[in-house]
Amino acid sequence: MPEEKRGKKGMKDVEEFKELISVFSDKVPGLIKGLIQSVFSVDAAADMGKAAATYYKELKAGGIPDEVAIKMTQDYIGMFTRISEFIKTASRGEHGRHHAEDIAEDVEKAVRRKIKLKLGEDEKEER
């Protein structure tokens, strides 16, 4: 690819990346907040309880022995707990960081590495 054409493509990639980061920085904090509220609300807890009770009843109705049904229901509830813990950890960020800007910065660095890698691969293919 000629230098001028690759330069235009690279600039287009950078502009698209800037737009992506802008949208990411604007939207992600609200999405995370909404997700946390949906998982940790009173209604969510009631729904999880109903889901666990229904799960247990269905296991029993299917002929699963008590001890197995209880264990399977505990595992089912544990899945909700693991998802909740994952969301809490993700909302805090790595090492307790609290800002979406930090997340956006990490994403930006990763994308820049990918772009550089891709441009390097394009150069190798031309040779």
C-alpha atoms as a PDB file:
ATOM      1  CA  MET A   1       0.000   0.000   0.000  1.00  0.00           C
ATOM      2  CA  PRO A   2       1.505   3.385  -0.927  1.00  0.00           C
ATOM      3  CA  GLU A   3       2.527   5.571   2.017  1.00  0.00           C
ATOM      4  CA  GLU A   4      -0.108   8.246   1.242  1.00  0.00           C
ATOM      5  CA  LYS A   5      -2.949   5.722   1.065  1.00  0.00           C
ATOM      6  CA  ARG A   6      -1.858   4.014   4.291  1.00  0.00           C
ATOM      7  CA  GLY A   7      -1.603   7.426   5.979  1.00  0.00           C
ATOM      8  CA  LYS A   8      -5.190   8.303   4.992  1.00  0.00           C
ATOM      9  CA  LYS A   9      -6.411   4.919   6.191  1.00  0.00           C
ATOM     10  CA  GLY A  10      -4.536   5.350   9.456  1.00  0.00           C
ATOM     11  CA  MET A  11      -6.043   8.815   9.995  1.00  0.00           C
ATOM     12  CA  LYS A  12      -9.508   7.440   9.265  1.00  0.00           C
ATOM     13  CA  ASP A  13      -8.883   4.673  11.816  1.00  0.00           C
ATOM     14  CA  VAL A  14      -7.741   7.229  14.392  1.00  0.00           C
ATOM     15  CA  GLU A  15     -10.826   9.408  13.813  1.00  0.00           C
ATOM     16  CA  GLU A  16     -13.123   6.397  14.092  1.00  0.00           C
ATOM     17  CA  PHE A  17     -11.296   5.378  17.249  1.00  0.00           C
ATOM     18  CA  LYS A  18     -11.713   8.850  18.773  1.00  0.00           C
ATOM     19  CA  GLU A  19     -15.425   8.730  18.022  1.00  0.00           C
ATOM     20  CA  LEU A  20     -15.686   5.259  19.544  1.00  0.00           C
ATOM     21  CA  ILE A  21     -13.886   6.352  22.716  1.00  0.00           C
ATOM     22  CA  SER A  22     -16.115   9.418  22.981  1.00  0.00           C
ATOM     23  CA  VAL A  23     -19.263   7.314  22.764  1.00  0.00           C
ATOM     24  CA  PHE A  24     -17.751   4.738  25.118  1.00  0.00           C
ATOM     25  CA  SER A  25     -16.900   7.400  27.725  1.00  0.00           C
ATOM     26  CA  ASP A  26     -20.374   8.918  27.492  1.00  0.00           C
ATOM     27  CA  LYS A  27     -22.462   5.741  27.536  1.00  0.00           C
ATOM     28  CA  VAL A  28     -20.628   3.140  29.599  1.00  0.00           C
ATOM     29  CA  PRO A  29     -20.966   4.769  33.040  1.00  0.00           C
ATOM     30  CA  GLY A  30     -24.756   4.914  32.629  1.00  0.00           C
ATOM     31  CA  LEU A  31     -24.877   1.330  31.397  1.00  0.00           C
ATOM     32  CA  ILE A  32     -22.845   0.116  34.369  1.00  0.00           C
ATOM     33  CA  LYS A  33     -25.010   2.076  36.804  1.00  0.00           C
ATOM     34  CA  GLY A  34     -28.178   0.642  35.247  1.00  0.00           C
ATOM     35  CA  LEU A  35     -26.764  -2.864  35.333  1.00  0.00           C
ATOM     36  CA  ILE A  36     -25.803  -2.541  38.990  1.00  0.00           C
ATOM     37  CA  GLN A  37     -29.240  -1.201  39.877  1.00  0.00           C
ATOM     38  CA  SER A  38     -30.934  -4.038  38.009  1.00  0.00           C
ATOM     39  CA  VAL A  39     -28.915  -6.666  39.884  1.00  0.00           C
ATOM     40  CA  PHE A  40     -28.896  -5.145  43.371  1.00  0.00           C
ATOM     41  CA  SER A  41     -32.433  -3.792  43.622  1.00  0.00           C
ATOM     42  CA  VAL A  42     -35.186  -5.113  45.906  1.00  0.00           C
ATOM     43  CA  ASP A  43     -37.111  -6.235  42.827  1.00  0.00           C
ATOM     44  CA  ALA A  44     -34.072  -8.090  41.467  1.00  0.00           C
ATOM     45  CA  ALA A  45     -33.626  -9.884  44.794  1.00  0.00           C
ATOM     46  CA  ALA A  46     -37.302 -10.891  44.816  1.00  0.00           C
ATOM     47  CA  ASP A  47     -37.031 -12.127  41.228  1.00  0.00           C
ATOM     48  CA  MET A  48     -33.917 -14.157  42.063  1.00  0.00           C
ATOM     49  CA  GLY A  49     -35.702 -15.712  45.039  1.00  0.00           C
ATOM     50  CA  LYS A  50     -38.708 -16.614  42.894  1.00  0.00           C
ATOM     51  CA  ALA A  51     -36.428 -18.036  40.215  1.00  0.00           C
ATOM     52  CA  ALA A  52     -34.604 -20.206  42.752  1.00  0.00           C
ATOM     53  CA  ALA A  53     -37.878 -21.449  44.255  1.00  0.00           C
ATOM     54  CA  THR A  54     -39.263 -22.268  40.807  1.00  0.00           C
ATOM     55  CA  TYR A  55     -36.025 -24.015  39.869  1.00  0.00           C
ATOM     56  CA  TYR A  56     -36.177 -26.167  43.013  1.00  0.00           C
ATOM     57  CA  LYS A  57     -39.865 -27.003  42.498  1.00  0.00           C
ATOM     58  CA  GLU A  58     -39.208 -28.042  38.892  1.00  0.00           C
ATOM     59  CA  LEU A  59     -36.307 -30.245  39.942  1.00  0.00           C
ATOM     60  CA  LYS A  60     -38.486 -31.941  42.569  1.00  0.00           C
ATOM     61  CA  ALA A  61     -41.378 -32.307  40.111  1.00  0.00           C
ATOM     62  CA  GLY A  62     -38.936 -33.984  37.736  1.00  0.00           C
ATOM     63  CA  GLY A  63     -38.106 -36.617  40.342  1.00  0.00           C
ATOM     64  CA  ILE A  64     -34.741 -35.265  41.486  1.00  0.00           C
ATOM     65  CA  PRO A  65     -33.944 -36.411  45.065  1.00  0.00           C
ATOM     66  CA  ASP A  66     -34.014 -33.745  47.814  1.00  0.00           C
ATOM     67  CA  GLU A  67     -30.275 -33.604  48.463  1.00  0.00           C
ATOM     68  CA  VAL A  68     -29.495 -33.324  44.740  1.00  0.00           C
ATOM     69  CA  ALA A  69     -32.208 -30.700  44.167  1.00  0.00           C
ATOM     70  CA  ILE A  70     -30.906 -28.640  47.094  1.00  0.00           C
ATOM     71  CA  LYS A  71     -27.324 -28.822  45.808  1.00  0.00           C
ATOM     72  CA  MET A  72     -28.389 -27.895  42.283  1.00  0.00           C
ATOM     73  CA  THR A  73     -30.451 -24.973  43.615  1.00  0.00           C
ATOM     74  CA  GLN A  74     -27.495 -23.768  45.700  1.00  0.00           C
ATOM     75  CA  ASP A  75     -25.331 -23.890  42.574  1.00  0.00           C
ATOM     76  CA  TYR A  76     -28.032 -22.005  40.670  1.00  0.00           C
ATOM     77  CA  ILE A  77     -28.139 -19.280  43.328  1.00  0.00           C
ATOM     78  CA  GLY A  78     -24.330 -19.258  43.371  1.00  0.00           C
ATOM     79  CA  MET A  79     -24.408 -18.340  39.703  1.00  0.00           C
ATOM     80  CA  PHE A  80     -26.348 -15.163  40.593  1.00  0.00           C
ATOM     81  CA  THR A  81     -23.821 -14.416  43.307  1.00  0.00           C
ATOM     82  CA  ARG A  82     -20.869 -14.834  40.929  1.00  0.00           C
ATOM     83  CA  ILE A  83     -22.532 -12.604  38.353  1.00  0.00           C
ATOM     84  CA  SER A  84     -23.190  -9.978  41.046  1.00  0.00           C
ATOM     85  CA  GLU A  85     -19.579 -10.129  42.229  1.00  0.00           C
ATOM     86  CA  PHE A  86     -18.338  -9.803  38.662  1.00  0.00           C
ATOM     87  CA  ILE A  87     -20.494  -6.712  38.124  1.00  0.00           C
ATOM     88  CA  LYS A  88     -19.335  -5.139  41.391  1.00  0.00           C
ATOM     89  CA  THR A  89     -15.701  -5.799  40.501  1.00  0.00           C
ATOM     90  CA  ALA A  90     -16.154  -4.464  36.971  1.00  0.00           C
ATOM     91  CA  SER A  91     -17.865  -1.324  38.250  1.00  0.00           C
ATOM     92  CA  ARG A  92     -14.949  -0.612  40.591  1.00  0.00           C
ATOM     93  CA  GLY A  93     -12.448  -1.336  37.890  1.00  0.00           C
ATOM     94  CA  GLU A  94      -9.098  -2.983  38.244  1.00  0.00           C
ATOM     95  CA  HIS A  95      -7.390  -2.286  41.586  1.00  0.00           C
ATOM     96  CA  GLY A  96     -10.304  -0.187  42.846  1.00  0.00           C
ATOM     97  CA  ARG A  97     -10.346   2.397  40.047  1.00  0.00           C
ATOM     98  CA  HIS A  98     -13.702   4.161  39.938  1.00  0.00           C
ATOM     99  CA  HIS A  99     -13.739   6.165  36.737  1.00  0.00           C
ATOM    100  CA  ALA A 100     -15.007   5.228  33.296  1.00  0.00           C
ATOM    101  CA  GLU A 101     -12.223   7.415  31.940  1.00  0.00           C
ATOM    102  CA  ASP A 102      -9.695   4.907  33.259  1.00  0.00           C
ATOM    103  CA  ILE A 103     -11.535   2.100  31.495  1.00  0.00           C
ATOM    104  CA  ALA A 104     -11.731   4.150  28.294  1.00  0.00           C
ATOM    105  CA  GLU A 105      -7.992   4.827  28.542  1.00  0.00           C
ATOM    106  CA  ASP A 106      -7.269   1.110  28.838  1.00  0.00           C
ATOM    107  CA  VAL A 107      -9.469   0.396  25.837  1.00  0.00           C
ATOM    108  CA  GLU A 108      -7.790   3.189  23.884  1.00  0.00           C
ATOM    109  CA  LYS A 109      -4.342   1.733  24.598  1.00  0.00           C
ATOM    110  CA  ALA A 110      -5.473  -1.741  23.543  1.00  0.00           C
ATOM    111  CA  VAL A 111      -6.993  -0.450  20.310  1.00  0.00           C
ATOM    112  CA  ARG A 112      -3.889   1.585  19.516  1.00  0.00           C
ATOM    113  CA  ARG A 113      -1.763  -1.547  19.972  1.00  0.00           C
ATOM    114  CA  LYS A 114      -4.081  -3.444  17.633  1.00  0.00           C
ATOM    115  CA  ILE A 115      -3.948  -0.665  15.015  1.00  0.00           C
ATOM    116  CA  LYS A 116      -0.135  -0.570  15.168  1.00  0.00           C
ATOM    117  CA  LEU A 117      -0.024  -4.344  14.894  1.00  0.00           C
ATOM    118  CA  LYS A 118      -2.404  -4.296  11.923  1.00  0.00           C
ATOM    119  CA  LEU A 119      -0.437  -1.560  10.167  1.00  0.00           C
ATOM    120  CA  GLY A 120       2.739  -3.548  10.748  1.00  0.00           C
ATOM    121  CA  GLU A 121       1.125  -6.645   9.244  1.00  0.00           C
ATOM    122  CA  ASP A 122       0.008  -4.607   6.208  1.00  0.00           C
ATOM    123  CA  GLU A 123       3.593  -3.440   5.676  1.00  0.00           C
ATOM    124  CA  LYS A 124       4.898  -7.022   5.873  1.00  0.00           C
ATOM    125  CA  GLU A 125       2.313  -8.184   3.300  1.00  0.00           C
ATOM    126  CA  GLU A 126       3.447  -5.478   0.859  1.00  0.00           C
ATOM    127  CA  ARG A 127       7.034  -6.709   0.906  1.00  0.00           C
END
